[in-house]
Amino acid sequence: MSDVTGGAAGVRDWWEAVCVVGLVGTDRRPVPEPPRWAVPAREDGTPPTRLLDAAALGSAWLAAGAVPGRGSAPDPAPAETRPEAGQRARQLLDVLLVQPPGGTAHQQLLLRTWLRACATAGRRVPHDALTAVIALARSHPGLRPPLREAAGERGAWLARLDPTLTWWHGPGEEPASPAPGTALADDPVVRWAAAGSADRTERLRRLRAADPVLARELLRTSWSAEPARVRAEQLATLVVGLGPDDEDLLEPALDDRAAGVREVAQDLLDRLPGSARAARMAERLRPLLSVSGTLRRTVRVDLPDEPDVRGVRDGLGPAPARTSVRGHHLRRIVRGAPVDTWTAVTGLDPRALFGAVRDEELRALLHAAVVAQGERRPEWVRVAFAVDPAPALVPLLPPGEQQAAVERVLTAGGPAGLEGAVGLFTVLPGPWSPETSERVVRALRAGRGGAAALAGARDVLAERLHPAAGPQLRSWANHDSTADVHRRSLAALAAAVSTRHAVLDAFSGEQP
């Protein structure tokens, strides 16, 4: 086998000899031995096979424009542990990569759907599609987590060989919710100690979802030594899985030297109606509440007096610019006191209470308190949503009630204006039922500017609409009054929704 010491001229001579063999045939001339490159020649190949190998190597050299250096072949990829996606799913993946239904506007969403469904079914990306999906993930970070889950052993092997794929194993790009038993959960102290402040904050966010207790204990180990900005960011990670056991970290944080840290602690304690701070806020709210009237009951709330030192510690400090100090303190008290304080003082149940709070600003304060404490007060969320269907309340409703509640609002004419309807379904988790999907499209079409609003919410709609809404979308697109630009958007959305469900159907019958 020849060497590459002759440089480019030696390789050119070899390539010219290969070209001659290609012209006259392997029966008349032998295939020249290739240079000593990293890719060895096949020892048992037939002359035609050796010629094709030489053509492939030479073509790569010509495309690179440089003489390949010496090197060793990488270790082969490990055997796959999961079967590749089935034929129908593979066909859909080819379509998504080459000509995605609905155009490139929905390509990322549909690919994420495909990758997640593939991983959930215990399957993997076919080898011949890996490089194309990885190429898209380079410029679209949203594809990276599901790609890592569905890439299989070959995908991980390719990532180890490519130094440009730093995001594959980078600290900021690990799966958002590691399951117990992963490296993060198995050896958290080592990884925590080795990470910088920014990485520790990111690890806390992920670990909170998998093991809240462990995340809290890790936070306790080094939190007080971090800079103020980092302390605030790390303390804010407790919002995931927040519970009474976190109070022993939050209560001392009310005395932190940094205002930003104190504000985070106050906001988190607002969400814990059983905390000691909530009890202190209730003591401040009780004397401010009163009820007047016999037939027409009206709840009033007086402004608080100047706070004492304990009140300042609980958040009754300086007010924002151009804001009433006493009004600011009232807002903090109402938000921090358990909502049950209102019923205990007035004797009214939540529904009657909302009817008796006639001042719009005061009702907004009560709503803010319900939003803050809603995860632990579902009965209050139901009443508040019935009175004022604010989007912030939708995720706080029990999951089995959310779609029905939004459907009732949309059927009754929706909240004030199209913007309110869009706000509602934007925060409504999917997938949506056929009834909810049809009502959402109907509300959009009925509202002034609905087509433009649809374009602004296209990703939400493409991800959550049921295919049952497809005929409505196509009818809307074909209507004479629909502008061309909106007609194209509607048609693309209908195609994306149909394809998303085809992807889910393709994986539904596959077993690991």
Protein backbone atom coordinates (compact mmCIF):
# COMPACT_ATOMS: atom_id res chain seq x y z
CA MET A 1 0.00 0.00 0.00
CA SER A 2 1.46 3.37 -0.96
CA ASP A 3 2.12 6.18 1.52
CA VAL A 4 1.03 9.82 1.53
CA THR A 5 4.56 11.14 1.94
CA GLY A 6 4.49 12.23 -1.68
CA GLY A 7 1.89 14.83 -0.78
CA ALA A 8 -0.85 15.96 -3.11
CA ALA A 9 1.15 15.03 -6.23
CA GLY A 10 1.36 11.39 -5.12
CA VAL A 11 -2.35 11.23 -4.45
CA ARG A 12 -3.10 12.86 -7.80
CA ASP A 13 -1.01 10.20 -9.57
CA TRP A 14 -2.98 7.51 -7.77
CA TRP A 15 -6.29 9.16 -8.70
CA GLU A 16 -5.32 9.43 -12.35
CA ALA A 17 -4.51 5.71 -12.34
CA VAL A 18 -7.92 5.00 -10.82
CA CYS A 19 -9.59 7.04 -13.55
CA VAL A 20 -7.73 5.05 -16.22
CA VAL A 21 -8.98 1.79 -14.73
CA GLY A 22 -12.47 3.23 -14.71
CA LEU A 23 -12.19 3.91 -18.42
CA VAL A 24 -10.61 0.67 -19.63
CA GLY A 25 -12.12 -1.69 -17.05
CA THR A 26 -10.79 -3.90 -14.29
CA ASP A 27 -10.36 -6.79 -16.71
CA ARG A 28 -7.63 -4.91 -18.55
CA ARG A 29 -5.91 -3.10 -15.68
CA PRO A 30 -5.56 -3.77 -11.94
CA VAL A 31 -6.94 -1.28 -9.45
CA PRO A 32 -4.03 0.67 -7.91
CA GLU A 33 -3.44 0.29 -4.21
CA PRO A 34 -4.92 3.31 -2.32
CA PRO A 35 -2.77 5.64 -0.22
CA ARG A 36 -2.29 4.79 3.43
CA TRP A 37 -5.31 6.70 4.68
CA ALA A 38 -7.40 6.31 7.80
CA VAL A 39 -9.92 4.19 5.90
CA PRO A 40 -8.29 0.84 4.98
CA ALA A 41 -8.98 -1.00 1.74
CA ARG A 42 -11.02 -4.17 1.76
CA GLU A 43 -8.67 -7.12 1.66
CA ASP A 44 -11.15 -9.55 0.14
CA GLY A 45 -12.91 -7.22 -2.28
CA THR A 46 -13.38 -8.10 -5.94
CA PRO A 47 -11.74 -5.81 -8.55
CA PRO A 48 -15.02 -3.95 -9.28
CA THR A 49 -15.59 -3.47 -5.54
CA ARG A 50 -12.04 -2.15 -5.04
CA LEU A 51 -12.58 0.26 -7.93
CA LEU A 52 -15.78 1.60 -6.38
CA ASP A 53 -14.02 1.98 -3.02
CA ALA A 54 -11.20 3.89 -4.69
CA ALA A 55 -13.69 6.15 -6.47
CA ALA A 56 -15.42 6.94 -3.17
CA LEU A 57 -12.14 7.73 -1.39
CA GLY A 58 -10.82 9.82 -4.25
CA SER A 59 -14.05 11.77 -4.57
CA ALA A 60 -13.93 12.61 -0.88
CA TRP A 61 -10.32 13.78 -1.25
CA LEU A 62 -11.21 16.00 -4.22
CA ALA A 63 -14.15 17.51 -2.31
CA ALA A 64 -11.98 18.18 0.74
CA GLY A 65 -9.17 19.73 -1.29
CA ALA A 66 -6.50 18.41 1.06
CA VAL A 67 -4.40 15.30 1.48
CA PRO A 68 -5.84 13.14 4.28
CA GLY A 69 -3.51 12.72 7.21
CA ARG A 70 -2.72 9.57 9.10
CA GLY A 71 -5.17 8.45 11.72
CA SER A 72 -6.92 5.50 13.24
CA ALA A 73 -10.46 4.45 12.64
CA PRO A 74 -12.84 5.10 15.55
CA ASP A 75 -14.24 2.29 17.59
CA PRO A 76 -17.37 0.93 15.94
CA ALA A 77 -20.75 2.08 17.20
CA PRO A 78 -22.21 -0.12 19.94
CA ALA A 79 -25.11 -2.38 19.13
CA GLU A 80 -28.54 -0.82 19.29
CA THR A 81 -30.70 -1.66 22.29
CA ARG A 82 -33.98 -0.56 20.69
CA PRO A 83 -35.55 -1.39 17.34
CA GLU A 84 -35.86 1.38 14.81
CA ALA A 85 -39.19 3.01 14.06
CA GLY A 86 -41.64 1.03 11.97
CA GLN A 87 -42.14 1.49 8.26
CA ARG A 88 -45.08 3.90 8.47
CA ALA A 89 -43.31 6.09 11.02
CA ARG A 90 -40.15 6.07 8.89
CA GLN A 91 -42.10 7.18 5.85
CA LEU A 92 -43.60 10.06 7.82
CA LEU A 93 -40.14 11.07 9.04
CA ASP A 94 -38.89 11.20 5.45
CA VAL A 95 -41.79 13.49 4.56
CA LEU A 96 -41.12 15.76 7.55
CA LEU A 97 -37.47 16.11 6.60
CA VAL A 98 -37.96 16.70 2.87
CA GLN A 99 -41.39 18.28 2.40
CA PRO A 100 -43.14 18.92 5.74
CA PRO A 101 -46.93 19.32 5.48
CA GLY A 102 -47.84 22.92 6.18
CA GLY A 103 -44.35 24.08 5.14
CA THR A 104 -41.31 24.82 7.25
CA ALA A 105 -43.43 26.86 9.69
CA HIS A 106 -44.61 23.64 11.35
CA GLN A 107 -41.58 21.43 10.67
CA GLN A 108 -39.99 21.76 14.12
CA LEU A 109 -43.25 21.03 15.92
CA LEU A 110 -43.93 17.95 13.81
CA LEU A 111 -40.37 16.67 14.20
CA ARG A 112 -40.56 17.13 17.99
CA THR A 113 -43.81 15.20 17.98
CA TRP A 114 -42.21 12.41 15.93
CA LEU A 115 -39.11 12.18 18.15
CA ARG A 116 -41.07 12.17 21.40
CA ALA A 117 -43.52 9.57 20.13
CA CYS A 118 -40.59 7.47 18.93
CA ALA A 119 -38.88 7.55 22.32
CA THR A 120 -42.12 6.87 24.17
CA ALA A 121 -42.74 3.81 22.00
CA GLY A 122 -39.26 2.49 22.80
CA ARG A 123 -38.06 2.96 19.23
CA ARG A 124 -35.19 4.91 17.67
CA VAL A 125 -34.44 7.07 14.65
CA PRO A 126 -33.43 5.05 11.57
CA HIS A 127 -29.70 5.25 10.90
CA ASP A 128 -30.11 6.75 7.44
CA ALA A 129 -32.08 9.71 8.88
CA LEU A 130 -29.79 10.52 11.82
CA THR A 131 -27.50 12.99 10.07
CA ALA A 132 -30.44 14.96 8.65
CA VAL A 133 -32.16 15.25 12.03
CA ILE A 134 -28.90 16.17 13.77
CA ALA A 135 -28.29 18.87 11.14
CA LEU A 136 -31.68 20.43 11.93
CA ALA A 137 -31.04 20.20 15.68
CA ARG A 138 -27.86 22.25 15.24
CA SER A 139 -29.93 25.33 14.48
CA HIS A 140 -33.15 24.45 16.35
CA PRO A 141 -32.48 23.85 20.07
CA GLY A 142 -36.03 22.67 20.68
CA LEU A 143 -35.26 19.47 18.78
CA ARG A 144 -32.26 18.55 20.89
CA PRO A 145 -33.82 16.98 24.03
CA PRO A 146 -36.23 14.70 22.10
CA LEU A 147 -33.49 13.82 19.61
CA ARG A 148 -31.18 12.65 22.38
CA GLU A 149 -33.96 10.43 23.71
CA ALA A 150 -34.74 8.88 20.31
CA ALA A 151 -31.31 8.81 18.62
CA GLY A 152 -30.28 5.40 19.91
CA GLU A 153 -26.72 4.17 20.35
CA ARG A 154 -25.66 5.24 16.85
CA GLY A 155 -26.78 8.81 17.49
CA ALA A 156 -24.81 9.01 20.75
CA TRP A 157 -21.80 7.51 18.97
CA LEU A 158 -21.97 10.15 16.23
CA ALA A 159 -22.24 12.89 18.84
CA ARG A 160 -19.07 11.65 20.57
CA LEU A 161 -17.18 11.74 17.26
CA ASP A 162 -18.28 15.29 16.37
CA PRO A 163 -16.63 17.95 18.58
CA THR A 164 -19.05 20.59 17.26
CA LEU A 165 -22.01 18.89 18.95
CA THR A 166 -21.18 20.39 22.33
CA TRP A 167 -24.88 20.76 23.09
CA TRP A 168 -25.42 16.99 22.99
CA HIS A 169 -23.74 16.47 26.35
CA GLY A 170 -23.38 20.10 27.47
CA PRO A 171 -24.46 21.06 31.02
CA GLY A 172 -27.17 23.38 29.79
CA GLU A 173 -28.66 20.86 27.37
CA GLU A 174 -29.38 17.78 29.47
CA PRO A 175 -32.91 16.37 29.60
CA ALA A 176 -35.21 18.69 31.51
CA SER A 177 -36.53 16.07 33.95
CA PRO A 178 -34.02 13.33 34.68
CA ALA A 179 -35.61 10.23 36.11
CA PRO A 180 -34.33 8.68 39.31
CA GLY A 181 -31.39 6.44 38.51
CA THR A 182 -29.77 8.75 35.93
CA ALA A 183 -26.29 10.13 36.47
CA LEU A 184 -27.70 13.40 37.76
CA ALA A 185 -29.83 11.69 40.39
CA ASP A 186 -27.27 8.99 41.25
CA ASP A 187 -24.28 11.20 41.89
CA PRO A 188 -25.62 14.72 42.42
CA VAL A 189 -23.15 15.89 45.05
CA VAL A 190 -20.13 15.25 42.83
CA ARG A 191 -21.68 16.97 39.85
CA TRP A 192 -22.95 19.83 42.01
CA ALA A 193 -19.52 20.48 43.52
CA ALA A 194 -17.82 20.43 40.12
CA ALA A 195 -20.26 22.81 38.43
CA GLY A 196 -20.06 26.60 38.29
CA SER A 197 -22.82 28.82 39.66
CA ALA A 198 -24.80 28.99 36.40
CA ASP A 199 -24.61 25.23 35.92
CA ARG A 200 -25.63 24.60 39.53
CA THR A 201 -28.72 26.75 38.98
CA GLU A 202 -29.62 24.80 35.85
CA ARG A 203 -29.07 21.48 37.61
CA LEU A 204 -31.32 22.60 40.45
CA ARG A 205 -34.13 23.37 38.01
CA ARG A 206 -33.91 19.91 36.52
CA LEU A 207 -33.41 18.07 39.79
CA ARG A 208 -36.37 19.81 41.44
CA ALA A 209 -38.71 17.96 39.09
CA ALA A 210 -37.10 14.57 39.81
CA ASP A 211 -36.21 14.82 43.50
CA PRO A 212 -37.39 18.01 45.29
CA VAL A 213 -35.92 16.95 48.63
CA LEU A 214 -32.45 16.33 47.22
CA ALA A 215 -32.56 19.60 45.27
CA ARG A 216 -33.46 21.50 48.44
CA GLU A 217 -30.61 19.89 50.39
CA LEU A 218 -28.10 20.69 47.64
CA LEU A 219 -29.33 24.28 47.58
CA ARG A 220 -28.78 24.50 51.29
CA THR A 221 -25.12 23.41 51.01
CA SER A 222 -23.75 26.40 49.11
CA TRP A 223 -26.58 28.84 48.60
CA SER A 224 -25.55 31.42 51.20
CA ALA A 225 -22.06 31.77 49.67
CA GLU A 226 -23.33 32.61 46.17
CA PRO A 227 -23.61 36.17 44.79
CA ALA A 228 -26.96 37.88 45.30
CA ARG A 229 -28.17 37.36 41.72
CA VAL A 230 -27.33 33.65 41.85
CA ARG A 231 -28.96 33.27 45.28
CA ALA A 232 -32.16 34.75 43.89
CA GLU A 233 -32.09 32.49 40.81
CA GLN A 234 -31.39 29.36 42.83
CA LEU A 235 -34.03 30.13 45.44
CA ALA A 236 -36.56 30.64 42.64
CA THR A 237 -36.05 27.01 41.54
CA LEU A 238 -38.10 25.95 44.57
CA VAL A 239 -41.24 27.00 42.68
CA VAL A 240 -41.21 23.52 41.09
CA GLY A 241 -42.69 21.14 43.64
CA LEU A 242 -43.02 23.92 46.20
CA GLY A 243 -44.34 22.62 49.51
CA PRO A 244 -44.44 23.22 53.27
CA ASP A 245 -41.04 21.56 53.72
CA ASP A 246 -39.44 24.42 51.77
CA GLU A 247 -40.50 26.96 54.36
CA ASP A 248 -37.42 26.40 56.51
CA LEU A 249 -35.33 27.77 53.64
CA LEU A 250 -37.72 30.55 52.64
CA GLU A 251 -38.41 32.01 56.08
CA PRO A 252 -34.72 32.82 56.81
CA ALA A 253 -34.41 34.24 53.28
CA LEU A 254 -36.74 37.06 54.36
CA ASP A 255 -33.70 38.42 56.23
CA ASP A 256 -31.30 38.14 53.28
CA ARG A 257 -29.09 41.15 52.68
CA ALA A 258 -30.19 41.36 49.01
CA ALA A 259 -33.61 42.83 48.16
CA GLY A 260 -33.94 40.55 45.13
CA VAL A 261 -33.57 37.45 47.29
CA ARG A 262 -36.10 38.74 49.80
CA GLU A 263 -38.62 39.40 47.02
CA VAL A 264 -38.25 35.84 45.68
CA ALA A 265 -38.80 34.45 49.18
CA GLN A 266 -41.89 36.64 49.64
CA ASP A 267 -43.39 35.57 46.31
CA LEU A 268 -42.84 31.89 47.07
CA LEU A 269 -44.29 32.18 50.56
CA ASP A 270 -47.37 33.82 49.00
CA ARG A 271 -48.00 30.37 47.50
CA LEU A 272 -47.90 28.62 50.89
CA PRO A 273 -51.12 29.54 52.73
CA GLY A 274 -50.10 27.31 55.62
CA SER A 275 -46.80 29.09 56.31
CA ALA A 276 -45.97 31.23 59.33
CA ARG A 277 -45.75 34.31 57.10
CA ALA A 278 -49.25 33.59 55.74
CA ALA A 279 -50.54 33.49 59.32
CA ARG A 280 -48.91 36.85 60.02
CA MET A 281 -50.49 38.32 56.88
CA ALA A 282 -53.87 36.95 57.99
CA GLU A 283 -53.50 38.79 61.30
CA ARG A 284 -52.97 42.02 59.35
CA LEU A 285 -55.92 41.41 56.99
CA ARG A 286 -58.60 40.50 59.54
CA PRO A 287 -59.11 43.97 61.06
CA LEU A 288 -59.22 45.51 57.57
CA LEU A 289 -62.18 43.39 56.37
CA SER A 290 -65.82 44.36 56.94
CA VAL A 291 -69.27 43.56 55.54
CA SER A 292 -72.13 46.01 55.15
CA GLY A 293 -75.72 45.79 53.93
CA THR A 294 -78.47 43.28 54.56
CA LEU A 295 -80.06 42.45 51.22
CA ARG A 296 -77.11 43.61 49.17
CA ARG A 297 -74.01 42.54 51.05
CA THR A 298 -70.83 44.46 50.27
CA VAL A 299 -67.33 43.54 51.42
CA ARG A 300 -64.92 46.36 52.11
CA VAL A 301 -61.22 46.37 52.90
CA ASP A 302 -59.59 49.35 54.62
CA LEU A 303 -56.05 50.47 53.92
CA PRO A 304 -53.47 49.30 56.47
CA ASP A 305 -51.59 51.52 58.88
CA GLU A 306 -47.83 52.04 58.84
CA PRO A 307 -46.17 48.63 59.22
CA ASP A 308 -43.92 47.70 62.12
CA VAL A 309 -40.51 46.03 61.74
CA ARG A 310 -42.10 42.59 61.40
CA GLY A 311 -44.31 43.91 58.61
CA VAL A 312 -41.37 45.34 56.71
CA ARG A 313 -39.63 41.98 56.99
CA ASP A 314 -42.70 40.29 55.48
CA GLY A 315 -42.64 42.57 52.44
CA LEU A 316 -44.42 45.75 53.49
CA GLY A 317 -41.55 47.93 52.43
CA PRO A 318 -41.15 50.88 50.03
CA ALA A 319 -43.68 51.07 47.21
CA PRO A 320 -42.77 51.23 43.51
CA ALA A 321 -42.54 54.68 41.92
CA ARG A 322 -45.85 56.53 41.47
CA THR A 323 -47.65 53.97 43.62
CA SER A 324 -49.55 54.53 46.85
CA VAL A 325 -47.57 53.13 49.78
CA ARG A 326 -50.66 52.00 51.72
CA GLY A 327 -52.19 50.57 48.55
CA HIS A 328 -48.97 48.67 47.87
CA HIS A 329 -49.00 47.26 51.39
CA LEU A 330 -52.65 46.22 51.02
CA ARG A 331 -51.83 44.32 47.84
CA ARG A 332 -49.02 42.47 49.59
CA ILE A 333 -51.22 41.63 52.57
CA VAL A 334 -54.10 40.34 50.45
CA ARG A 335 -51.79 38.25 48.28
CA GLY A 336 -49.93 36.80 51.26
CA ALA A 337 -52.88 36.04 53.55
CA PRO A 338 -54.73 32.73 53.08
CA VAL A 339 -57.88 33.28 51.00
CA ASP A 340 -59.80 31.42 53.71
CA THR A 341 -59.30 34.52 55.86
CA TRP A 342 -61.98 36.28 53.80
CA THR A 343 -64.63 33.65 54.46
CA ALA A 344 -63.68 33.29 58.12
CA VAL A 345 -64.12 37.03 58.78
CA THR A 346 -67.17 37.72 56.57
CA GLY A 347 -69.05 34.47 57.10
CA LEU A 348 -69.64 34.22 53.33
CA ASP A 349 -68.76 31.21 51.20
CA PRO A 350 -66.39 31.84 48.25
CA ARG A 351 -69.17 32.27 45.67
CA ALA A 352 -71.14 34.71 47.83
CA LEU A 353 -67.92 36.49 48.73
CA PHE A 354 -67.02 37.20 45.09
CA GLY A 355 -70.51 38.55 44.56
CA ALA A 356 -70.11 40.84 47.57
CA VAL A 357 -66.74 42.22 46.49
CA ARG A 358 -68.05 44.96 44.23
CA ASP A 359 -64.98 47.13 43.91
CA GLU A 360 -63.13 46.07 40.74
CA GLU A 361 -59.67 46.80 42.13
CA LEU A 362 -60.40 44.85 45.30
CA ARG A 363 -61.75 41.93 43.27
CA ALA A 364 -58.54 41.96 41.22
CA LEU A 365 -56.55 41.70 44.47
CA LEU A 366 -58.65 38.73 45.57
CA HIS A 367 -58.11 37.09 42.17
CA ALA A 368 -54.35 37.59 42.51
CA ALA A 369 -54.43 35.83 45.88
CA VAL A 370 -56.39 32.93 44.38
CA VAL A 371 -53.87 32.61 41.54
CA ALA A 372 -50.97 32.58 44.02
CA GLN A 373 -52.55 29.95 46.27
CA GLY A 374 -54.60 28.11 43.66
CA GLU A 375 -52.56 24.90 43.64
CA ARG A 376 -53.72 24.31 47.22
CA ARG A 377 -57.18 25.87 46.96
CA PRO A 378 -58.94 24.30 43.92
CA GLU A 379 -62.41 25.20 45.22
CA TRP A 380 -61.46 28.88 45.15
CA VAL A 381 -60.07 28.54 41.62
CA ARG A 382 -63.38 27.12 40.37
CA VAL A 383 -65.35 30.01 41.83
CA ALA A 384 -62.91 32.67 40.65
CA PHE A 385 -62.92 31.26 37.12
CA ALA A 386 -66.72 31.21 37.03
CA VAL A 387 -66.78 34.87 38.04
CA ASP A 388 -63.92 36.04 35.82
CA PRO A 389 -62.42 33.43 33.42
CA ALA A 390 -58.89 34.75 33.56
CA PRO A 391 -56.26 32.74 31.63
CA ALA A 392 -53.99 32.55 34.71
CA LEU A 393 -56.63 30.40 36.44
CA VAL A 394 -56.89 27.72 33.73
CA PRO A 395 -53.71 25.76 34.65
CA LEU A 396 -54.80 25.83 38.30
CA LEU A 397 -58.08 24.03 37.64
CA PRO A 398 -57.97 20.25 38.15
CA PRO A 399 -56.68 18.74 34.87
CA GLY A 400 -59.91 16.85 34.24
CA GLU A 401 -61.94 20.08 34.45
CA GLN A 402 -59.87 22.47 32.34
CA GLN A 403 -61.22 21.74 28.87
CA ALA A 404 -64.85 21.63 30.01
CA ALA A 405 -64.44 24.94 31.83
CA VAL A 406 -62.95 26.66 28.78
CA GLU A 407 -65.62 25.13 26.54
CA ARG A 408 -68.35 26.62 28.74
CA VAL A 409 -66.79 30.06 28.47
CA LEU A 410 -66.38 29.84 24.69
CA THR A 411 -69.92 28.51 24.24
CA ALA A 412 -71.32 31.35 26.31
CA GLY A 413 -69.67 33.91 24.04
CA GLY A 414 -66.20 33.86 25.51
CA PRO A 415 -64.45 36.45 27.65
CA ALA A 416 -64.36 40.07 26.63
CA GLY A 417 -63.08 40.24 23.07
CA LEU A 418 -61.07 37.94 20.87
CA GLU A 419 -57.91 38.63 22.86
CA GLY A 420 -59.51 37.07 25.93
CA ALA A 421 -60.47 33.93 24.00
CA VAL A 422 -56.94 33.58 22.63
CA GLY A 423 -55.54 34.02 26.12
CA LEU A 424 -57.73 31.19 27.39
CA PHE A 425 -56.88 28.53 24.85
CA THR A 426 -53.21 29.50 24.75
CA VAL A 427 -52.80 28.31 28.36
CA LEU A 428 -55.10 25.30 27.98
CA PRO A 429 -52.95 22.14 27.89
CA GLY A 430 -53.46 19.73 25.03
CA PRO A 431 -54.28 17.58 23.29
CA TRP A 432 -57.76 19.04 23.01
CA SER A 433 -60.95 17.08 22.58
CA PRO A 434 -62.91 17.36 19.32
CA GLU A 435 -65.47 19.58 21.09
CA THR A 436 -62.88 21.96 22.51
CA SER A 437 -61.04 22.12 19.18
CA GLU A 438 -64.18 22.97 17.25
CA ARG A 439 -65.19 25.65 19.73
CA VAL A 440 -61.74 27.24 19.62
CA VAL A 441 -61.83 27.49 15.82
CA ARG A 442 -65.41 28.76 15.94
CA ALA A 443 -64.44 31.48 18.44
CA LEU A 444 -61.51 32.55 16.28
CA ARG A 445 -63.58 32.70 13.13
CA ALA A 446 -66.35 34.67 14.81
CA GLY A 447 -64.01 37.26 16.28
CA ARG A 448 -62.84 40.34 14.45
CA GLY A 449 -59.25 39.73 13.40
CA GLY A 450 -59.54 36.01 14.11
CA ALA A 451 -57.37 34.97 11.16
CA ALA A 452 -54.55 37.21 12.32
CA ALA A 453 -54.92 35.89 15.87
CA LEU A 454 -54.77 32.36 14.50
CA ALA A 455 -51.46 33.12 12.80
CA GLY A 456 -50.05 34.37 16.11
CA ALA A 457 -51.10 31.20 17.91
CA ARG A 458 -50.28 28.75 15.10
CA ASP A 459 -47.83 26.64 17.13
CA VAL A 460 -50.28 26.20 20.01
CA LEU A 461 -53.08 25.30 17.62
CA ALA A 462 -50.95 22.91 15.55
CA GLU A 463 -49.84 21.10 18.70
CA ARG A 464 -53.22 20.83 20.43
CA LEU A 465 -56.09 20.87 17.93
CA HIS A 466 -57.93 17.64 17.20
CA PRO A 467 -58.27 16.61 13.53
CA ALA A 468 -62.04 17.02 13.96
CA ALA A 469 -61.45 20.76 13.54
CA GLY A 470 -59.91 20.18 10.10
CA PRO A 471 -63.16 20.64 8.11
CA GLN A 472 -63.77 23.96 9.88
CA LEU A 473 -60.28 25.16 9.05
CA ARG A 474 -60.61 24.17 5.40
CA SER A 475 -64.07 25.76 5.16
CA TRP A 476 -62.65 28.96 6.63
CA ALA A 477 -59.73 28.85 4.20
CA ASN A 478 -62.06 28.41 1.20
CA HIS A 479 -64.43 31.21 2.16
CA ASP A 480 -64.56 34.08 -0.32
CA SER A 481 -63.85 36.72 2.34
CA THR A 482 -60.66 35.05 3.58
CA ALA A 483 -57.53 36.87 2.45
CA ASP A 484 -54.94 34.86 0.54
CA VAL A 485 -52.31 35.12 3.26
CA HIS A 486 -54.74 33.79 5.85
CA ARG A 487 -56.01 31.13 3.46
CA ARG A 488 -52.49 29.73 3.21
CA SER A 489 -52.05 29.81 6.98
CA LEU A 490 -55.31 27.96 7.55
CA ALA A 491 -54.48 25.31 4.97
CA ALA A 492 -51.00 24.84 6.47
CA LEU A 493 -52.48 24.51 9.96
CA ALA A 494 -54.99 21.91 8.83
CA ALA A 495 -52.21 19.89 7.17
CA ALA A 496 -49.98 20.12 10.26
CA VAL A 497 -52.77 18.97 12.60
CA SER A 498 -53.56 16.01 10.38
CA THR A 499 -49.90 15.03 10.11
CA ARG A 500 -49.32 15.30 13.87
CA HIS A 501 -52.09 12.80 14.50
CA ALA A 502 -50.81 10.54 11.73
CA VAL A 503 -47.44 10.48 13.53
CA LEU A 504 -49.05 9.58 16.86
CA ASP A 505 -51.14 6.88 15.19
CA ALA A 506 -48.03 5.43 13.52
CA PHE A 507 -46.40 4.85 16.90
CA SER A 508 -49.52 3.94 18.86
CA GLY A 509 -49.33 0.23 18.01
CA GLU A 510 -45.56 -0.15 18.31
CA GLN A 511 -44.13 -1.87 21.34
CA PRO A 512 -40.54 -1.63 22.61
